[in-house]
Amino acid sequence: DDDDDDDGGQASYEEEGAGMSEDDVETDGEDQGEGQERTGMPRHVQRALWRILVGDPARLGPEPSTHEELIDSLKRSRVLIDMRVCRAMELIPRGSFVPEEQQGEAYLDCPLAVPQLGFNISAPHIHATCLEKLGLEPGHHFLDVGSGCGLVTCLGAYIVGKAGSVVGVEINDDALAVARANLDQLKSSCPEFELSACQVRFEKHNVFLPDPLDRTYDRINVAGTCPKGQIRRLLALLRSRGMLIVPCASELQLYTKEANGGLRMEVVSNVRFGSLVVPTDAEVVTTTLDLDKRREMAALRRAEGSATSLSPSAEAAGDGMEGMEEESSREAPQALSERIEIDPFDNRYDCLIVGKRIAQGIPAHKRLLSSRCQLFRAQFSSGMKDAHSSEFEIPDFSFQACLLMLDFLYARGAFEGYRDPTSFLQTSADKLSHVPTCTIIEVLQLGIYVNCPELCRFQEHWLETLVDTANCVELLAVADDVGCVPCLHRECLDHIVENYAEVSKITNGFEGLDTHLVAKIASRACELFTKVMGLLRQSDGMREAG
């Protein structure tokens, strides 16, 4: 029956939208006046022809005008058989997802163009056919590609239930906004859906680009024609024993991934959908490289976050680090205690930070310093004479650097409200804009000297946001010198490679840069080149397979 319904390619507007180019969208009233297609054929004639093409009008009964009549018509034509799909379509009316100005056509069993929003809504019998063929079950992870108004996504969410998950992906911002609004309305108007359906996520994403979360799915519905050469990208998102339904050329194809990795394909019917937007090779390459970099940086940050101390050599810490070897050669101090916070307005100080460049000293609390910095903790708990001293000398660091360090530890001044480096830098950049880059570098070196991993991680984040063509070589040298800021090191390398010609010009061909850093720049460039060529060969292979 499904084959008969769509035989001959009559489903000429069966696209749900996202991933379609603007030219693919069939619009009502365009060029020919309201109520007619481009051919000038009146809408009521089109609907009559549609019903003749998709089935026996006598068997289908009168043209449906309500939700109940539509469901009854789909049941009579045996398009709607599966109990789960039937209950979902009974519960979630198509009219709730159709714009107000087109409510008069909401329950017709034909595709509905929504030109004002740039997408179409497929005919109800197509929705039913795709969901029934996929065999969605409770607990499944379901992906709806080209989610459009969100109807199929929500139907899937109800079927898979609380134990499952559903994601609808779109590249059309208007469609995403409409889908999210439709979902909110459905939740508020239908208690059963709110009680039974899983959480629905609508995301702006081109399905042919890498997924930042590397998700895979049990069932995938695609509402746009996919080039044959791109089917592999969709199948890569499918779990073992998973199923994918996708229009390809004039066929609605159902793929099943066997447990042994094999594939089985059957043609469900002949249809015509709008085309999915396939990204260019350049988009695939740049997106993949960006995602790879984010993952590598996240791994580096996790490694940094697990560190409880820093132990660079005196040379790695830079100038003014005399005595660091002596400190680091001592028995390693115990792990830092639980984070201690002290009211920044509590003036019951019990020690002073002093030094050659700190004229009056800076008051502080021993308890705070020892809880956050290994060097202070080692001194205050050493049992030696200086353990009871009320002064702690920090050699060769400026007053401003020491004050910024204490402001950070107390979360006061420019660091008021600090909790997480990434979010703080995003929201408080203006408060920090007056601090010179050279002072940030000095505070990083100070953080290494007092062995405060949290301070060093923040300074590293901060410097990463400041990397530009003018300073990337200098910051690369700093990162290499201190030896414990891998994310800054990577950020500088990538910026140099991506802006090589300009950086080379500014630095007079990297004049004065250590040869081992020049070698690292070359190595990173070769690594990225190899990745790019691999991705291009992969894309060529897919096109050839298609």
Protein backbone atom coordinates (compact mmCIF):
# COMPACT_ATOMS: atom_id res chain seq x y z
CA ASP A 1 0.00 0.00 0.00
CA ASP A 2 2.86 2.40 0.80
CA ASP A 3 4.39 1.77 -2.61
CA ASP A 4 1.08 2.47 -4.30
CA ASP A 5 0.62 5.66 -2.34
CA ASP A 6 3.82 7.22 -3.68
CA ASP A 7 4.39 5.30 -6.90
CA GLY A 8 5.46 7.42 -9.85
CA GLY A 9 7.12 10.19 -7.84
CA GLN A 10 3.92 12.04 -7.03
CA ALA A 11 5.22 13.19 -3.64
CA SER A 12 6.74 16.17 -5.37
CA TYR A 13 6.94 18.37 -2.29
CA GLU A 14 7.75 15.83 0.41
CA GLU A 15 10.52 17.82 2.08
CA GLU A 16 10.47 18.77 5.75
CA GLY A 17 12.95 21.51 5.20
CA ALA A 18 16.27 21.76 6.91
CA GLY A 19 19.21 21.09 4.85
CA MET A 20 17.36 22.28 1.75
CA SER A 21 18.39 25.04 -0.56
CA GLU A 22 15.93 27.86 -1.08
CA ASP A 23 15.33 26.82 -4.68
CA ASP A 24 14.10 23.40 -3.51
CA VAL A 25 11.14 24.82 -1.63
CA GLU A 26 7.88 24.67 -3.58
CA THR A 27 5.82 27.73 -2.68
CA ASP A 28 2.11 28.43 -2.89
CA GLY A 29 1.13 31.52 -4.84
CA GLU A 30 4.63 32.31 -6.13
CA ASP A 31 4.51 34.09 -9.50
CA GLN A 32 0.98 32.90 -10.17
CA GLY A 33 -1.02 34.61 -7.48
CA GLU A 34 -2.38 33.37 -4.17
CA GLY A 35 -3.89 29.90 -4.14
CA GLN A 36 -2.16 28.54 -7.25
CA GLU A 37 1.08 26.73 -7.98
CA ARG A 38 3.50 27.90 -10.68
CA THR A 39 1.51 25.91 -13.22
CA GLY A 40 -1.57 28.01 -12.45
CA MET A 41 -3.45 24.89 -11.32
CA PRO A 42 -6.03 25.81 -8.62
CA ARG A 43 -5.41 24.30 -5.20
CA HIS A 44 -8.65 22.34 -5.10
CA VAL A 45 -7.74 20.70 -8.43
CA GLN A 46 -4.27 19.85 -7.11
CA ARG A 47 -5.77 18.21 -4.01
CA ALA A 48 -8.18 16.15 -6.06
CA LEU A 49 -5.37 15.00 -8.34
CA TRP A 50 -3.21 14.19 -5.31
CA ARG A 51 -5.88 11.94 -3.81
CA ILE A 52 -6.28 10.08 -7.10
CA LEU A 53 -2.54 9.53 -7.35
CA VAL A 54 -1.97 8.29 -3.81
CA GLY A 55 -4.90 5.95 -3.54
CA ASP A 56 -8.48 5.00 -4.42
CA PRO A 57 -10.65 8.05 -3.54
CA ALA A 58 -13.64 5.82 -2.82
CA ARG A 59 -11.62 3.78 -0.37
CA LEU A 60 -10.13 6.86 1.25
CA GLY A 61 -13.52 8.40 1.85
CA PRO A 62 -14.23 12.14 1.99
CA GLU A 63 -11.30 14.54 2.06
CA PRO A 64 -10.36 14.96 5.76
CA SER A 65 -10.84 18.38 7.34
CA THR A 66 -10.22 17.54 11.02
CA HIS A 67 -7.56 15.69 12.95
CA GLU A 68 -9.90 12.79 13.69
CA GLU A 69 -10.90 12.47 10.02
CA LEU A 70 -7.24 12.47 8.94
CA ILE A 71 -6.33 9.68 11.35
CA ASP A 72 -9.38 7.67 10.29
CA SER A 73 -8.42 8.11 6.62
CA LEU A 74 -4.85 6.91 7.26
CA LYS A 75 -6.17 3.86 9.11
CA ARG A 76 -8.66 2.99 6.36
CA SER A 77 -5.93 3.21 3.72
CA ARG A 78 -3.77 0.96 5.94
CA VAL A 79 -0.95 3.51 6.01
CA LEU A 80 -1.33 3.73 9.78
CA ILE A 81 -1.09 0.26 11.33
CA ASP A 82 1.54 0.20 14.10
CA MET A 83 -0.07 0.83 17.48
CA ARG A 84 2.73 3.08 18.78
CA VAL A 85 2.77 5.25 15.67
CA CYS A 86 -1.02 5.33 15.63
CA ARG A 87 -1.22 6.51 19.25
CA ALA A 88 1.46 9.15 18.67
CA MET A 89 -0.34 10.58 15.63
CA GLU A 90 -3.67 10.51 17.46
CA LEU A 91 -2.17 12.41 20.38
CA ILE A 92 -0.16 15.00 18.43
CA PRO A 93 -2.26 16.81 15.82
CA ARG A 94 -0.60 18.08 12.67
CA GLY A 95 -2.52 21.32 13.05
CA SER A 96 -0.49 22.21 16.14
CA PHE A 97 2.60 22.45 13.91
CA VAL A 98 1.06 24.32 10.97
CA PRO A 99 1.16 28.16 10.81
CA GLU A 100 -2.08 29.91 11.71
CA GLU A 101 -2.62 31.27 8.21
CA GLN A 102 -2.56 27.72 6.78
CA GLN A 103 -4.78 25.97 9.32
CA GLY A 104 -7.42 25.39 6.64
CA GLU A 105 -5.09 22.85 5.00
CA ALA A 106 -3.58 21.37 8.17
CA TYR A 107 -5.43 18.06 7.97
CA LEU A 108 -5.28 17.40 4.23
CA ASP A 109 -3.19 14.36 3.38
CA CYS A 110 -0.83 16.26 1.12
CA PRO A 111 2.43 18.18 1.53
CA LEU A 112 2.13 21.72 2.76
CA ALA A 113 4.52 24.46 1.63
CA VAL A 114 5.51 27.05 4.25
CA PRO A 115 7.35 29.54 2.01
CA GLN A 116 7.37 32.32 4.61
CA LEU A 117 9.63 30.14 6.78
CA GLY A 118 11.58 28.39 4.03
CA PHE A 119 10.47 24.78 4.53
CA ASN A 120 7.66 22.34 3.65
CA ILE A 121 5.69 19.94 5.82
CA SER A 122 5.43 16.47 4.34
CA ALA A 123 2.11 14.71 3.80
CA PRO A 124 0.82 12.82 6.87
CA HIS A 125 0.94 9.47 5.06
CA ILE A 126 4.67 10.02 4.46
CA HIS A 127 5.24 10.72 8.16
CA ALA A 128 3.31 7.58 9.07
CA THR A 129 5.13 5.45 6.50
CA CYS A 130 8.60 6.57 7.64
CA LEU A 131 7.85 6.06 11.34
CA GLU A 132 6.28 2.64 10.75
CA LYS A 133 9.17 1.46 8.58
CA LEU A 134 11.71 2.58 11.18
CA GLY A 135 9.97 0.56 13.88
CA LEU A 136 10.73 3.00 16.68
CA GLU A 137 10.60 1.43 20.15
CA PRO A 138 10.80 2.73 23.72
CA GLY A 139 14.41 3.48 24.66
CA HIS A 140 15.61 4.13 21.12
CA HIS A 141 17.89 7.05 20.28
CA PHE A 142 16.26 8.82 17.33
CA LEU A 143 17.68 11.44 14.94
CA ASP A 144 15.37 13.51 12.74
CA VAL A 145 17.35 15.18 9.95
CA GLY A 146 15.62 18.24 8.52
CA SER A 147 13.25 18.55 11.46
CA GLY A 148 11.38 21.54 9.99
CA CYS A 149 8.32 22.38 12.09
CA GLY A 150 9.27 19.63 14.59
CA LEU A 151 6.27 17.34 14.07
CA VAL A 152 8.15 14.10 13.29
CA THR A 153 10.69 14.86 16.01
CA CYS A 154 7.92 15.15 18.60
CA LEU A 155 6.13 12.05 17.31
CA GLY A 156 9.40 10.16 17.74
CA ALA A 157 9.91 11.56 21.26
CA TYR A 158 6.53 10.22 22.35
CA ILE A 159 7.18 6.78 20.84
CA VAL A 160 10.68 6.28 22.34
CA GLY A 161 9.49 7.56 25.73
CA LYS A 162 11.44 8.73 28.74
CA ALA A 163 14.07 6.01 28.33
CA GLY A 164 14.94 7.19 24.83
CA SER A 165 16.37 10.35 23.32
CA VAL A 166 15.49 12.47 20.31
CA VAL A 167 17.46 15.10 18.38
CA GLY A 168 16.10 17.17 15.51
CA VAL A 169 18.74 18.88 13.37
CA GLU A 170 18.15 21.86 11.09
CA ILE A 171 20.16 24.55 9.30
CA ASN A 172 17.19 26.92 8.98
CA ASP A 173 17.06 29.35 11.93
CA ASP A 174 13.39 30.21 11.33
CA ALA A 175 12.44 26.54 11.29
CA LEU A 176 14.33 25.94 14.54
CA ALA A 177 12.52 28.81 16.24
CA VAL A 178 9.14 27.51 15.04
CA ALA A 179 9.94 23.93 16.10
CA ARG A 180 10.95 25.01 19.61
CA ALA A 181 7.83 27.14 19.96
CA ASN A 182 5.68 24.24 18.74
CA LEU A 183 7.32 21.92 21.27
CA ASP A 184 6.66 24.35 24.13
CA GLN A 185 3.03 24.69 23.07
CA LEU A 186 2.63 20.92 22.83
CA LYS A 187 4.06 20.43 26.33
CA SER A 188 1.68 22.96 27.83
CA SER A 189 -1.42 21.73 26.00
CA CYS A 190 -0.85 17.95 26.16
CA PRO A 191 -0.12 16.53 29.63
CA GLU A 192 0.28 13.01 28.25
CA PHE A 193 3.09 14.13 25.95
CA GLU A 194 4.83 15.98 28.78
CA LEU A 195 4.47 12.93 31.02
CA SER A 196 5.51 10.26 28.51
CA ALA A 197 7.88 11.79 25.94
CA CYS A 198 11.63 12.08 26.29
CA GLN A 199 13.39 15.41 26.23
CA VAL A 200 13.56 16.87 22.71
CA ARG A 201 16.63 18.71 21.45
CA PHE A 202 16.49 20.91 18.36
CA GLU A 203 19.98 21.80 17.13
CA LYS A 204 21.38 23.88 14.30
CA HIS A 205 23.67 21.45 12.54
CA ASN A 206 24.38 20.12 9.07
CA VAL A 207 24.26 16.35 9.44
CA PHE A 208 27.13 15.86 6.97
CA LEU A 209 29.51 17.75 9.26
CA PRO A 210 31.12 16.08 12.29
CA ASP A 211 29.02 15.93 15.46
CA PRO A 212 30.90 17.56 18.37
CA LEU A 213 29.42 14.93 20.71
CA ASP A 214 30.12 11.91 18.45
CA ARG A 215 26.58 10.62 18.97
CA THR A 216 25.14 7.56 17.26
CA TYR A 217 21.50 6.54 16.89
CA ASP A 218 19.21 3.51 16.69
CA ARG A 219 16.91 5.12 14.14
CA ILE A 220 17.40 8.01 11.69
CA ASN A 221 14.74 9.76 9.61
CA VAL A 222 15.90 12.04 6.79
CA ALA A 223 13.45 14.55 5.32
CA GLY A 224 15.41 15.56 2.23
CA THR A 225 17.00 13.89 -0.78
CA CYS A 226 20.52 12.71 -0.01
CA PRO A 227 23.13 12.29 -2.78
CA LYS A 228 24.15 8.66 -3.08
CA GLY A 229 27.76 9.51 -2.31
CA GLN A 230 26.77 11.01 1.06
CA ILE A 231 24.75 8.03 2.33
CA ARG A 232 27.88 6.69 4.02
CA ARG A 233 28.06 9.76 6.27
CA LEU A 234 24.53 9.03 7.48
CA LEU A 235 25.21 5.33 7.94
CA ALA A 236 28.24 6.23 10.09
CA LEU A 237 25.78 7.72 12.61
CA LEU A 238 23.88 4.45 12.86
CA ARG A 239 24.35 1.93 15.65
CA SER A 240 24.49 -1.82 15.18
CA ARG A 241 21.03 -3.12 14.18
CA GLY A 242 20.04 0.48 13.50
CA MET A 243 17.77 1.67 10.70
CA LEU A 244 17.92 4.69 8.40
CA ILE A 245 15.15 5.90 6.10
CA VAL A 246 16.28 8.41 3.50
CA PRO A 247 15.17 9.67 0.08
CA CYS A 248 17.84 9.06 -2.57
CA ALA A 249 17.21 10.13 -6.14
CA SER A 250 13.54 9.17 -6.68
CA GLU A 251 13.49 6.38 -4.08
CA LEU A 252 12.62 6.30 -0.40
CA GLN A 253 15.26 3.85 0.86
CA LEU A 254 15.36 1.92 4.13
CA TYR A 255 18.80 0.81 5.35
CA THR A 256 19.39 -1.71 8.13
CA LYS A 257 22.83 -2.11 9.72
CA GLU A 258 23.30 -5.77 10.61
CA ALA A 259 25.03 -6.92 13.82
CA ASN A 260 28.02 -8.08 11.78
CA GLY A 261 28.39 -4.65 10.19
CA GLY A 262 26.70 -5.60 6.93
CA LEU A 263 24.03 -3.43 5.30
CA ARG A 264 20.65 -4.30 3.87
CA MET A 265 18.63 -1.86 1.75
CA GLU A 266 15.07 -1.96 0.51
CA VAL A 267 13.14 0.55 -1.56
CA VAL A 268 9.99 1.65 0.29
CA SER A 269 8.45 3.73 -2.48
CA ASN A 270 9.14 6.23 -5.23
CA VAL A 271 9.06 9.82 -4.03
CA ARG A 272 10.46 13.24 -4.69
CA PHE A 273 11.87 15.30 -1.82
CA GLY A 274 13.76 18.56 -1.73
CA SER A 275 17.54 18.24 -1.62
CA LEU A 276 19.66 18.30 1.52
CA VAL A 277 22.37 20.94 1.55
CA VAL A 278 25.72 19.17 1.26
CA PRO A 279 28.62 21.17 2.68
CA THR A 280 31.62 21.96 0.51
CA ASP A 281 34.90 20.14 1.01
CA ALA A 282 36.26 23.32 2.57
CA GLU A 283 33.44 23.39 5.12
CA VAL A 284 34.00 19.73 6.00
CA VAL A 285 37.74 20.28 6.41
CA THR A 286 37.51 23.46 8.50
CA THR A 287 34.75 22.05 10.72
CA THR A 288 36.64 18.79 11.27
CA LEU A 289 39.90 20.56 12.08
CA ASP A 290 38.13 22.93 14.47
CA LEU A 291 36.40 20.03 16.22
CA ASP A 292 39.63 18.03 16.45
CA LYS A 293 41.35 21.04 17.99
CA ARG A 294 38.58 21.55 20.55
CA ARG A 295 38.80 17.89 21.55
CA GLU A 296 42.58 18.02 21.83
CA MET A 297 42.39 21.19 23.92
CA ALA A 298 39.73 19.62 26.16
CA ALA A 299 41.98 16.60 26.71
CA LEU A 300 44.89 18.88 27.57
CA ARG A 301 42.71 20.84 30.02
CA ARG A 302 41.56 17.63 31.69
CA ALA A 303 45.17 16.62 32.14
CA GLU A 304 45.97 20.05 33.56
CA GLY A 305 42.94 19.92 35.85
CA SER A 306 44.08 16.62 37.34
CA ALA A 307 47.46 18.09 38.31
CA THR A 308 47.80 19.10 41.97
CA SER A 309 51.18 20.79 41.64
CA LEU A 310 53.62 22.36 39.21
CA SER A 311 57.33 21.60 39.17
CA PRO A 312 59.06 23.40 36.30
CA SER A 313 62.79 23.96 36.37
CA ALA A 314 64.25 27.34 37.13
CA GLU A 315 65.01 27.83 33.43
CA ALA A 316 61.42 26.96 32.42
CA ALA A 317 60.02 29.45 34.88
CA GLY A 318 61.94 32.33 33.29
CA ASP A 319 64.00 35.16 34.74
CA GLY A 320 63.79 35.88 38.44
CA MET A 321 63.23 32.24 39.39
CA GLU A 322 66.39 31.89 41.43
CA GLY A 323 65.86 29.48 44.27
CA MET A 324 63.17 27.51 42.48
CA GLU A 325 65.44 24.49 42.06
CA GLU A 326 66.07 24.54 45.78
CA GLU A 327 62.34 24.64 46.50
CA SER A 328 61.45 21.92 44.00
CA SER A 329 64.24 19.67 45.29
CA ARG A 330 62.64 19.54 48.71
CA GLU A 331 60.32 16.74 49.63
CA ALA A 332 57.09 17.25 47.69
CA PRO A 333 54.41 18.84 49.87
CA GLN A 334 51.15 17.09 50.53
CA ALA A 335 48.21 17.64 48.23
CA LEU A 336 46.36 20.91 48.70
CA SER A 337 43.54 20.83 51.16
CA GLU A 338 39.93 21.58 50.31
CA ARG A 339 39.43 24.99 48.74
CA ILE A 340 39.18 27.69 51.39
CA GLU A 341 37.43 30.97 50.75
CA ILE A 342 37.92 34.01 52.96
CA ASP A 343 35.87 37.17 52.95
CA PRO A 344 37.95 39.67 50.95
CA PHE A 345 36.91 42.35 53.48
CA ASP A 346 38.22 40.35 56.44
CA ASN A 347 41.17 42.49 57.60
CA ARG A 348 42.41 40.10 60.28
CA TYR A 349 45.58 39.40 58.33
CA ASP A 350 48.38 37.30 59.84
CA CYS A 351 51.16 37.61 57.26
CA LEU A 352 52.74 39.93 54.70
CA ILE A 353 53.96 39.24 51.17
CA VAL A 354 57.23 41.12 50.83
CA GLY A 355 59.98 41.42 48.23
CA LYS A 356 62.56 43.66 46.57
CA ARG A 357 59.88 45.30 44.43
CA ILE A 358 57.16 45.37 47.10
CA ALA A 359 57.88 48.44 49.20
CA GLN A 360 55.22 48.19 51.93
CA GLY A 361 54.27 44.52 51.72
CA ILE A 362 50.82 43.09 50.91
CA PRO A 363 48.73 41.68 53.80
CA ALA A 364 47.23 38.19 53.49
CA HIS A 365 45.90 35.21 55.44
CA LYS A 366 48.21 32.22 55.92
CA ARG A 367 45.25 29.84 55.85
CA LEU A 368 44.24 31.00 52.37
CA LEU A 369 47.77 30.99 50.96
CA SER A 370 48.57 27.51 52.26
CA SER A 371 45.29 26.07 50.95
CA ARG A 372 45.91 27.26 47.38
CA CYS A 373 49.68 27.36 46.87
CA GLN A 374 52.09 24.48 47.45
CA LEU A 375 55.07 26.72 48.19
CA PHE A 376 53.27 28.58 50.99
CA ARG A 377 51.92 25.34 52.39
CA ALA A 378 55.41 23.84 52.43
CA GLN A 379 56.84 26.79 54.33
CA PHE A 380 54.00 27.17 56.84
CA SER A 381 54.01 23.44 57.68
CA SER A 382 57.74 22.80 57.51
CA GLY A 383 58.30 22.99 61.28
CA MET A 384 61.34 25.13 60.63
CA LYS A 385 62.04 28.60 62.02
CA ASP A 386 60.47 30.48 59.09
CA ALA A 387 57.25 28.50 59.44
CA HIS A 388 56.15 30.93 62.17
CA SER A 389 57.31 34.06 60.37
CA SER A 390 54.71 36.70 59.61
CA GLU A 391 56.49 37.64 56.39
CA PHE A 392 57.01 35.68 53.20
CA GLU A 393 59.47 36.98 50.64
CA ILE A 394 58.81 36.66 46.92
CA PRO A 395 61.92 37.68 44.97
CA ASP A 396 61.95 39.76 41.80
CA PHE A 397 58.19 39.92 41.16
CA SER A 398 56.46 43.27 40.81
CA PHE A 399 53.95 44.68 43.25
CA GLN A 400 51.25 44.62 40.55
CA ALA A 401 51.84 40.92 39.80
CA CYS A 402 51.70 39.97 43.48
CA LEU A 403 48.57 42.06 44.05
CA LEU A 404 46.85 40.42 41.07
CA MET A 405 47.78 36.99 42.44
CA LEU A 406 46.18 37.81 45.82
CA ASP A 407 43.13 39.38 44.16
CA PHE A 408 42.69 36.11 42.27
CA LEU A 409 43.04 33.97 45.41
CA TYR A 410 40.56 36.15 47.30
CA ALA A 411 38.23 36.52 44.24
CA ARG A 412 38.20 40.26 44.75
CA GLY A 413 38.81 43.36 42.65
CA ALA A 414 38.94 42.48 38.96
CA PHE A 415 38.36 38.82 39.88
CA GLU A 416 35.20 39.36 41.90
CA GLY A 417 32.74 36.57 41.19
CA TYR A 418 35.39 34.24 39.74
CA ARG A 419 34.49 30.54 39.63
CA ASP A 420 35.39 29.14 36.22
CA PRO A 421 38.07 30.59 33.88
CA THR A 422 36.17 30.17 30.61
CA SER A 423 32.88 31.71 31.74
CA PHE A 424 34.61 34.43 33.75
CA LEU A 425 36.72 35.55 30.80
CA GLN A 426 33.63 35.61 28.59
CA THR A 427 31.64 37.78 31.00
CA SER A 428 34.34 39.91 32.63
CA ALA A 429 36.70 40.77 29.79
CA ASP A 430 36.12 44.50 30.31
CA LYS A 431 37.26 44.33 33.95
CA LEU A 432 40.54 42.74 32.87
CA SER A 433 41.23 44.78 29.74
CA HIS A 434 43.50 47.26 31.57
CA VAL A 435 46.05 44.58 32.51
CA PRO A 436 49.06 44.56 30.14
CA THR A 437 50.01 41.28 28.50
CA CYS A 438 53.46 41.46 30.09
CA THR A 439 51.85 41.56 33.55
CA ILE A 440 49.68 38.52 32.75
CA ILE A 441 52.83 36.65 31.74
CA GLU A 442 54.52 37.72 34.98
CA VAL A 443 51.55 36.48 37.04
CA LEU A 444 51.77 33.16 35.19
CA GLN A 445 55.44 32.92 36.16
CA LEU A 446 54.52 33.87 39.73
CA GLY A 447 51.89 31.13 39.77
CA ILE A 448 54.58 28.65 38.80
CA TYR A 449 56.93 29.96 41.49
CA VAL A 450 54.36 29.59 44.30
CA ASN A 451 53.11 26.35 42.71
CA CYS A 452 49.44 27.34 42.29
CA PRO A 453 47.96 25.24 39.43
CA GLU A 454 44.61 27.07 39.52
CA LEU A 455 46.26 30.48 39.02
CA CYS A 456 48.42 29.14 36.19
CA ARG A 457 45.42 27.61 34.41
CA PHE A 458 43.55 30.90 34.60
CA GLN A 459 46.52 32.91 33.28
CA GLU A 460 46.88 30.37 30.45
CA HIS A 461 43.19 30.75 29.52
CA TRP A 462 43.57 34.51 29.68
CA LEU A 463 46.61 34.56 27.40
CA GLU A 464 44.86 32.23 24.93
CA THR A 465 42.12 34.84 24.43
CA LEU A 466 44.78 37.46 23.64
CA VAL A 467 46.73 35.52 20.99
CA ASP A 468 46.95 37.50 17.77
CA THR A 469 49.25 37.89 14.78
CA ALA A 470 51.39 40.49 16.55
CA ASN A 471 52.11 38.50 19.73
CA CYS A 472 51.71 34.82 18.82
CA VAL A 473 55.45 34.21 18.37
CA GLU A 474 56.30 35.93 21.66
CA LEU A 475 53.61 33.94 23.51
CA LEU A 476 54.81 30.71 21.90
CA ALA A 477 58.26 31.40 23.32
CA VAL A 478 56.73 32.12 26.75
CA ALA A 479 54.67 28.89 26.63
CA ASP A 480 57.72 26.90 25.65
CA ASP A 481 59.78 28.58 28.37
CA VAL A 482 57.45 27.93 31.29
CA GLY A 483 56.72 24.41 30.06
CA CYS A 484 53.36 23.83 31.77
CA VAL A 485 50.81 25.61 29.55
CA PRO A 486 50.15 23.15 26.67
CA CYS A 487 46.91 24.80 25.55
CA LEU A 488 48.58 28.17 25.09
CA HIS A 489 51.42 26.43 23.26
CA ARG A 490 48.93 24.76 20.87
CA GLU A 491 46.91 27.95 20.34
CA CYS A 492 50.03 29.90 19.38
CA LEU A 493 51.24 27.19 17.00
CA ASP A 494 47.88 27.02 15.22
CA HIS A 495 47.62 30.80 14.94
CA ILE A 496 51.09 30.97 13.39
CA VAL A 497 50.29 28.21 10.88
CA GLU A 498 46.92 29.71 9.94
CA ASN A 499 48.41 33.20 9.49
CA TYR A 500 51.87 32.14 8.36
CA ALA A 501 52.53 34.77 5.69
CA GLU A 502 51.57 37.72 7.88
CA VAL A 503 53.37 36.40 10.98
CA SER A 504 56.50 35.70 8.95
CA LYS A 505 56.44 39.25 7.60
CA ILE A 506 55.98 40.84 11.04
CA THR A 507 58.80 38.77 12.58
CA ASN A 508 61.13 39.16 9.59
CA GLY A 509 61.04 35.45 8.85
CA PHE A 510 60.93 34.42 12.54
CA GLU A 511 64.27 36.12 13.12
CA GLY A 512 65.70 35.32 16.55
CA LEU A 513 63.26 32.49 17.28
CA ASP A 514 64.89 29.35 18.68
CA THR A 515 65.38 26.72 16.01
CA HIS A 516 63.50 24.08 18.01
CA LEU A 517 60.40 26.35 17.97
CA VAL A 518 60.74 26.87 14.22
CA ALA A 519 60.85 23.07 13.92
CA LYS A 520 57.66 22.81 16.04
CA ILE A 521 55.88 25.29 13.73
CA ALA A 522 56.91 23.23 10.71
CA SER A 523 55.84 20.01 12.41
CA ARG A 524 52.40 21.41 13.25
CA ALA A 525 51.97 22.69 9.68
CA CYS A 526 52.82 19.24 8.30
CA GLU A 527 50.44 17.59 10.76
CA LEU A 528 47.54 19.85 9.68
CA PHE A 529 48.40 19.38 6.00
CA THR A 530 48.29 15.60 6.40
CA LYS A 531 44.87 15.86 8.08
CA VAL A 532 43.52 18.09 5.30
CA MET A 533 44.70 15.73 2.56
CA GLY A 534 43.19 12.76 4.39
CA LEU A 535 39.82 14.49 4.66
CA LEU A 536 39.86 15.47 0.98
CA ARG A 537 40.70 11.91 -0.06
CA GLN A 538 37.84 10.67 2.11
CA SER A 539 35.40 13.07 0.41
CA ASP A 540 36.64 12.02 -3.03
CA GLY A 541 36.14 8.39 -2.07
CA MET A 542 32.53 9.04 -1.08
CA ARG A 543 31.80 10.83 -4.35
CA GLU A 544 33.33 7.98 -6.34
CA ALA A 545 31.27 5.45 -4.38
CA GLY A 546 28.17 7.47 -5.26
